[in-house]
Amino acid sequence: MGAAWRHRAEALLHDGDLDGAVASCGESYVTATREEDMVAALRGLARAFLAQWRFDALDIVVQSLEARGVDDHEVRAWRVCLALELDDVAGALAIPADPCWRPSLRRSALRNVPTSAGCPPTERA
């Protein structure tokens, strides 16, 4: 059942229905019976919260993922976004992240680009 909710959430996120995606991820989380399904639901929530620019909620979800021992490229990307939202460029640079981000973050810091310009790219150039 959790997987069905998760697939629905992904479709809603893709279609731009962010509130629906958050609700479906929540349903996916509460119906999940396996740890990996719970983590997948939390990741969906994080993606939806980032798309909504709800950094307070994103921070709670990222903390929850980290408490479960999840520390990968995507979680670190969310940490970078959270640091940049607080105008903490030094903190963002200190987060171990994909090496392709480093030049982008440094250029942004040197040009004093505001955080509203967005988070570092997640795709490789």
N, C-alpha and C. Protein backbone atom coordinates (compact mmCIF):
# COMPACT_ATOMS: atom_id res chain seq x y z
N MET A 1 0.82 -1.20 0.00
CA MET A 1 0.00 0.00 0.00
C MET A 1 0.87 1.26 0.00
N GLY A 2 1.95 1.23 0.78
CA GLY A 2 2.84 2.38 0.83
C GLY A 2 3.45 2.71 -0.52
N ALA A 3 3.79 1.68 -1.28
CA ALA A 3 4.38 1.90 -2.60
C ALA A 3 3.37 2.58 -3.53
N ALA A 4 2.12 2.21 -3.43
CA ALA A 4 1.11 2.83 -4.28
C ALA A 4 0.97 4.32 -3.95
N TRP A 5 0.98 4.65 -2.67
CA TRP A 5 0.93 6.05 -2.27
C TRP A 5 2.16 6.80 -2.77
N ARG A 6 3.32 6.14 -2.69
CA ARG A 6 4.57 6.76 -3.12
C ARG A 6 4.55 7.05 -4.63
N HIS A 7 4.04 6.09 -5.40
CA HIS A 7 3.94 6.29 -6.85
C HIS A 7 2.97 7.43 -7.17
N ARG A 8 1.89 7.49 -6.43
CA ARG A 8 0.93 8.59 -6.61
C ARG A 8 1.60 9.91 -6.29
N ALA A 9 2.36 9.95 -5.21
CA ALA A 9 3.07 11.18 -4.82
C ALA A 9 4.04 11.62 -5.91
N GLU A 10 4.78 10.68 -6.48
CA GLU A 10 5.72 11.01 -7.55
C GLU A 10 5.00 11.59 -8.76
N ALA A 11 3.86 11.01 -9.10
CA ALA A 11 3.08 11.52 -10.23
C ALA A 11 2.55 12.92 -9.94
N LEU A 12 2.07 13.13 -8.73
CA LEU A 12 1.55 14.45 -8.36
C LEU A 12 2.67 15.49 -8.35
N LEU A 13 3.83 15.11 -7.85
CA LEU A 13 4.97 16.03 -7.84
C LEU A 13 5.35 16.39 -9.26
N HIS A 14 5.37 15.39 -10.13
CA HIS A 14 5.69 15.63 -11.54
C HIS A 14 4.69 16.57 -12.19
N ASP A 15 3.41 16.43 -11.81
CA ASP A 15 2.35 17.27 -12.38
C ASP A 15 2.26 18.64 -11.72
N GLY A 16 3.06 18.87 -10.68
CA GLY A 16 3.06 20.17 -10.01
C GLY A 16 2.06 20.32 -8.89
N ASP A 17 1.38 19.23 -8.52
CA ASP A 17 0.44 19.28 -7.40
C ASP A 17 1.23 18.99 -6.13
N LEU A 18 1.88 20.01 -5.60
CA LEU A 18 2.80 19.83 -4.48
C LEU A 18 2.08 19.47 -3.19
N ASP A 19 0.93 20.09 -2.95
CA ASP A 19 0.17 19.74 -1.74
C ASP A 19 -0.30 18.30 -1.80
N GLY A 20 -0.74 17.87 -2.97
CA GLY A 20 -1.16 16.48 -3.13
C GLY A 20 0.01 15.53 -2.95
N ALA A 21 1.17 15.93 -3.43
CA ALA A 21 2.37 15.10 -3.27
C ALA A 21 2.74 14.97 -1.80
N VAL A 22 2.65 16.05 -1.06
CA VAL A 22 2.96 16.00 0.38
C VAL A 22 1.98 15.07 1.09
N ALA A 23 0.69 15.20 0.77
CA ALA A 23 -0.31 14.34 1.41
C ALA A 23 -0.08 12.87 1.06
N SER A 24 0.23 12.59 -0.19
CA SER A 24 0.46 11.20 -0.59
C SER A 24 1.73 10.63 0.03
N CYS A 25 2.77 11.46 0.16
CA CYS A 25 3.99 10.99 0.82
C CYS A 25 3.72 10.69 2.29
N GLY A 26 2.89 11.52 2.90
CA GLY A 26 2.51 11.26 4.29
C GLY A 26 1.78 9.94 4.43
N GLU A 27 0.86 9.68 3.52
CA GLU A 27 0.14 8.40 3.53
C GLU A 27 1.11 7.24 3.29
N SER A 28 2.05 7.44 2.40
CA SER A 28 3.05 6.42 2.11
C SER A 28 3.87 6.11 3.36
N TYR A 29 4.22 7.15 4.09
CA TYR A 29 5.04 6.96 5.31
C TYR A 29 4.26 6.20 6.38
N VAL A 30 3.02 6.60 6.62
CA VAL A 30 2.28 5.96 7.72
C VAL A 30 1.84 4.54 7.38
N THR A 31 1.77 4.20 6.10
CA THR A 31 1.39 2.83 5.73
C THR A 31 2.60 1.93 5.48
N ALA A 32 3.80 2.52 5.49
CA ALA A 32 5.01 1.74 5.23
C ALA A 32 5.28 0.77 6.38
N THR A 33 5.69 -0.43 6.03
CA THR A 33 6.02 -1.42 7.05
C THR A 33 7.51 -1.76 7.06
N ARG A 34 8.21 -1.36 6.01
CA ARG A 34 9.65 -1.62 5.94
C ARG A 34 10.41 -0.30 6.03
N GLU A 35 11.59 -0.36 6.60
CA GLU A 35 12.42 0.82 6.76
C GLU A 35 12.70 1.52 5.43
N GLU A 36 13.03 0.74 4.39
CA GLU A 36 13.35 1.36 3.09
C GLU A 36 12.14 2.09 2.50
N ASP A 37 10.93 1.61 2.80
CA ASP A 37 9.73 2.30 2.33
C ASP A 37 9.52 3.61 3.09
N MET A 38 9.84 3.60 4.39
CA MET A 38 9.75 4.82 5.19
C MET A 38 10.75 5.86 4.69
N VAL A 39 11.96 5.42 4.40
CA VAL A 39 12.99 6.32 3.88
C VAL A 39 12.56 6.88 2.53
N ALA A 40 12.01 6.05 1.67
CA ALA A 40 11.55 6.51 0.36
C ALA A 40 10.44 7.56 0.52
N ALA A 41 9.54 7.35 1.47
CA ALA A 41 8.47 8.32 1.72
C ALA A 41 9.05 9.64 2.23
N LEU A 42 10.03 9.56 3.12
CA LEU A 42 10.67 10.78 3.62
C LEU A 42 11.39 11.53 2.50
N ARG A 43 12.03 10.79 1.60
CA ARG A 43 12.67 11.43 0.46
C ARG A 43 11.64 12.17 -0.41
N GLY A 44 10.49 11.54 -0.61
CA GLY A 44 9.43 12.19 -1.37
C GLY A 44 8.95 13.47 -0.70
N LEU A 45 8.81 13.41 0.62
CA LEU A 45 8.44 14.62 1.36
C LEU A 45 9.48 15.71 1.18
N ALA A 46 10.76 15.33 1.27
CA ALA A 46 11.83 16.32 1.12
C ALA A 46 11.78 16.97 -0.26
N ARG A 47 11.57 16.17 -1.30
CA ARG A 47 11.49 16.73 -2.65
C ARG A 47 10.32 17.71 -2.78
N ALA A 48 9.18 17.33 -2.23
CA ALA A 48 8.01 18.20 -2.30
C ALA A 48 8.22 19.48 -1.50
N PHE A 49 8.78 19.36 -0.30
CA PHE A 49 9.02 20.54 0.52
C PHE A 49 10.04 21.48 -0.14
N LEU A 50 11.06 20.92 -0.78
CA LEU A 50 12.02 21.77 -1.48
C LEU A 50 11.33 22.48 -2.65
N ALA A 51 10.48 21.78 -3.37
CA ALA A 51 9.76 22.39 -4.49
C ALA A 51 8.84 23.51 -4.01
N GLN A 52 8.35 23.40 -2.77
CA GLN A 52 7.48 24.43 -2.19
C GLN A 52 8.29 25.51 -1.48
N TRP A 53 9.59 25.37 -1.41
CA TRP A 53 10.46 26.27 -0.67
C TRP A 53 10.08 26.31 0.81
N ARG A 54 9.66 25.17 1.33
CA ARG A 54 9.31 25.05 2.76
C ARG A 54 10.53 24.50 3.50
N PHE A 55 11.48 25.39 3.73
CA PHE A 55 12.76 24.96 4.28
C PHE A 55 12.67 24.48 5.72
N ASP A 56 11.73 25.01 6.50
CA ASP A 56 11.57 24.53 7.87
C ASP A 56 11.14 23.07 7.86
N ALA A 57 10.20 22.73 7.01
CA ALA A 57 9.73 21.34 6.91
C ALA A 57 10.81 20.45 6.29
N LEU A 58 11.52 20.97 5.30
CA LEU A 58 12.62 20.21 4.68
C LEU A 58 13.67 19.87 5.73
N ASP A 59 14.00 20.81 6.58
CA ASP A 59 15.00 20.58 7.61
C ASP A 59 14.58 19.45 8.55
N ILE A 60 13.32 19.42 8.93
CA ILE A 60 12.83 18.36 9.82
C ILE A 60 12.95 16.99 9.14
N VAL A 61 12.58 16.93 7.87
CA VAL A 61 12.65 15.66 7.14
C VAL A 61 14.11 15.22 6.97
N VAL A 62 14.98 16.15 6.64
CA VAL A 62 16.40 15.80 6.48
C VAL A 62 16.97 15.31 7.81
N GLN A 63 16.62 15.95 8.89
CA GLN A 63 17.07 15.47 10.22
C GLN A 63 16.56 14.06 10.49
N SER A 64 15.34 13.80 10.09
CA SER A 64 14.77 12.47 10.27
C SER A 64 15.51 11.43 9.45
N LEU A 65 15.85 11.77 8.21
CA LEU A 65 16.63 10.86 7.36
C LEU A 65 18.01 10.61 7.97
N GLU A 66 18.66 11.67 8.42
CA GLU A 66 19.99 11.52 9.02
C GLU A 66 19.93 10.70 10.30
N ALA A 67 18.86 10.84 11.08
CA ALA A 67 18.70 10.04 12.29
C ALA A 67 18.56 8.55 11.97
N ARG A 68 18.11 8.26 10.76
CA ARG A 68 17.99 6.87 10.30
C ARG A 68 19.28 6.39 9.64
N GLY A 69 20.30 7.23 9.65
CA GLY A 69 21.59 6.84 9.09
C GLY A 69 21.73 7.07 7.59
N VAL A 70 20.80 7.83 7.01
CA VAL A 70 20.86 8.10 5.57
C VAL A 70 21.78 9.31 5.35
N ASP A 71 22.84 9.10 4.60
CA ASP A 71 23.78 10.17 4.28
C ASP A 71 24.33 9.90 2.89
N ASP A 72 23.65 10.45 1.90
CA ASP A 72 24.07 10.25 0.52
C ASP A 72 24.03 11.57 -0.23
N HIS A 73 24.26 11.50 -1.52
CA HIS A 73 24.33 12.68 -2.37
C HIS A 73 23.07 13.55 -2.23
N GLU A 74 21.92 12.94 -2.25
CA GLU A 74 20.68 13.70 -2.22
C GLU A 74 20.48 14.40 -0.87
N VAL A 75 20.74 13.70 0.21
CA VAL A 75 20.59 14.30 1.55
C VAL A 75 21.58 15.45 1.71
N ARG A 76 22.80 15.27 1.24
CA ARG A 76 23.78 16.35 1.33
C ARG A 76 23.36 17.54 0.45
N ALA A 77 22.74 17.28 -0.69
CA ALA A 77 22.25 18.37 -1.54
C ALA A 77 21.19 19.18 -0.80
N TRP A 78 20.31 18.49 -0.08
CA TRP A 78 19.30 19.21 0.70
C TRP A 78 19.96 20.02 1.81
N ARG A 79 21.01 19.47 2.42
CA ARG A 79 21.74 20.21 3.47
C ARG A 79 22.35 21.48 2.88
N VAL A 80 22.91 21.38 1.67
CA VAL A 80 23.48 22.56 1.01
C VAL A 80 22.38 23.60 0.79
N CYS A 81 21.24 23.18 0.29
CA CYS A 81 20.12 24.10 0.07
C CYS A 81 19.70 24.78 1.37
N LEU A 82 19.64 24.00 2.44
CA LEU A 82 19.25 24.56 3.74
C LEU A 82 20.28 25.58 4.21
N ALA A 83 21.56 25.28 4.04
CA ALA A 83 22.61 26.23 4.44
C ALA A 83 22.52 27.51 3.62
N LEU A 84 22.30 27.37 2.32
CA LEU A 84 22.20 28.55 1.46
C LEU A 84 20.97 29.38 1.80
N GLU A 85 19.89 28.73 2.19
CA GLU A 85 18.69 29.47 2.59
C GLU A 85 18.99 30.36 3.80
N LEU A 86 19.92 29.93 4.64
CA LEU A 86 20.31 30.72 5.81
C LEU A 86 21.46 31.68 5.48
N ASP A 87 21.78 31.81 4.19
CA ASP A 87 22.91 32.64 3.73
C ASP A 87 24.23 32.19 4.34
N ASP A 88 24.36 30.90 4.58
CA ASP A 88 25.57 30.31 5.15
C ASP A 88 26.38 29.65 4.04
N VAL A 89 27.05 30.47 3.23
CA VAL A 89 27.82 29.94 2.11
C VAL A 89 28.97 29.08 2.63
N ALA A 90 29.64 29.54 3.70
CA ALA A 90 30.75 28.76 4.26
C ALA A 90 30.25 27.40 4.74
N GLY A 91 29.09 27.38 5.37
CA GLY A 91 28.51 26.11 5.81
C GLY A 91 28.16 25.21 4.64
N ALA A 92 27.64 25.80 3.58
CA ALA A 92 27.31 25.01 2.39
C ALA A 92 28.56 24.42 1.77
N LEU A 93 29.63 25.20 1.73
CA LEU A 93 30.89 24.70 1.17
C LEU A 93 31.52 23.62 2.03
N ALA A 94 31.20 23.62 3.33
CA ALA A 94 31.79 22.64 4.25
C ALA A 94 31.11 21.28 4.18
N ILE A 95 29.93 21.23 3.57
CA ILE A 95 29.20 19.96 3.48
C ILE A 95 29.84 19.10 2.41
N PRO A 96 30.22 17.87 2.77
CA PRO A 96 30.78 16.98 1.75
C PRO A 96 29.73 16.74 0.67
N ALA A 97 30.05 17.17 -0.52
CA ALA A 97 29.07 17.08 -1.60
C ALA A 97 29.76 16.62 -2.88
N ASP A 98 28.95 16.46 -3.88
CA ASP A 98 29.44 16.08 -5.20
C ASP A 98 30.47 17.11 -5.65
N PRO A 99 31.63 16.69 -6.10
CA PRO A 99 32.67 17.65 -6.51
C PRO A 99 32.24 18.61 -7.60
N CYS A 100 31.27 18.25 -8.43
CA CYS A 100 30.86 19.16 -9.51
C CYS A 100 30.17 20.39 -8.95
N TRP A 101 29.72 20.37 -7.69
CA TRP A 101 29.08 21.54 -7.10
C TRP A 101 30.08 22.61 -6.73
N ARG A 102 31.29 22.20 -6.34
CA ARG A 102 32.24 23.14 -5.77
C ARG A 102 32.46 24.38 -6.64
N PRO A 103 32.75 24.25 -7.93
CA PRO A 103 32.95 25.47 -8.72
C PRO A 103 31.71 26.36 -8.75
N SER A 104 30.53 25.75 -8.83
CA SER A 104 29.29 26.51 -8.87
C SER A 104 29.08 27.28 -7.57
N LEU A 105 29.31 26.64 -6.43
CA LEU A 105 29.14 27.30 -5.15
C LEU A 105 30.16 28.42 -4.97
N ARG A 106 31.38 28.17 -5.36
CA ARG A 106 32.42 29.20 -5.20
C ARG A 106 32.12 30.41 -6.08
N ARG A 107 31.70 30.18 -7.33
CA ARG A 107 31.35 31.30 -8.20
C ARG A 107 30.21 32.11 -7.60
N SER A 108 29.20 31.41 -7.05
CA SER A 108 28.07 32.10 -6.44
C SER A 108 28.54 32.93 -5.25
N ALA A 109 29.43 32.38 -4.45
CA ALA A 109 29.93 33.10 -3.28
C ALA A 109 30.73 34.33 -3.71
N LEU A 110 31.54 34.17 -4.74
CA LEU A 110 32.38 35.27 -5.19
C LEU A 110 31.54 36.39 -5.81
N ARG A 111 30.45 36.02 -6.46
CA ARG A 111 29.58 37.02 -7.09
C ARG A 111 28.51 37.52 -6.13
N ASN A 112 28.51 36.97 -4.92
CA ASN A 112 27.51 37.35 -3.91
C ASN A 112 26.10 37.14 -4.44
N VAL A 113 25.87 35.99 -5.05
CA VAL A 113 24.56 35.65 -5.58
C VAL A 113 23.64 35.31 -4.40
N PRO A 114 22.47 35.91 -4.32
CA PRO A 114 21.55 35.61 -3.22
C PRO A 114 21.04 34.18 -3.30
N THR A 115 20.63 33.66 -2.15
CA THR A 115 20.15 32.28 -2.11
C THR A 115 18.87 32.11 -2.91
N SER A 116 18.16 33.18 -3.18
CA SER A 116 16.94 33.05 -3.96
C SER A 116 17.23 32.62 -5.39
N ALA A 117 18.52 32.66 -5.77
CA ALA A 117 18.89 32.21 -7.11
C ALA A 117 18.77 30.71 -7.23
N GLY A 118 18.62 30.00 -6.11
CA GLY A 118 18.40 28.57 -6.15
C GLY A 118 19.55 27.78 -5.60
N CYS A 119 19.36 26.48 -5.51
CA CYS A 119 20.36 25.59 -4.98
C CYS A 119 21.31 25.16 -6.08
N PRO A 120 22.45 24.58 -5.69
CA PRO A 120 23.39 24.13 -6.70
C PRO A 120 22.76 23.05 -7.57
N PRO A 121 23.25 22.93 -8.80
CA PRO A 121 22.66 21.93 -9.69
C PRO A 121 22.92 20.52 -9.17
N THR A 122 21.96 19.63 -9.39
CA THR A 122 22.13 18.25 -8.96
C THR A 122 22.56 17.37 -10.10
N GLU A 123 22.48 17.87 -11.32
CA GLU A 123 22.92 17.05 -12.46
C GLU A 123 24.35 17.42 -12.81
N ARG A 124 25.04 16.50 -13.37
CA ARG A 124 26.43 16.73 -13.77
C ARG A 124 26.45 17.48 -15.09
N ALA A 125 27.37 18.43 -15.16
CA ALA A 125 27.49 19.23 -16.39
C ALA A 125 28.21 18.45 -17.45
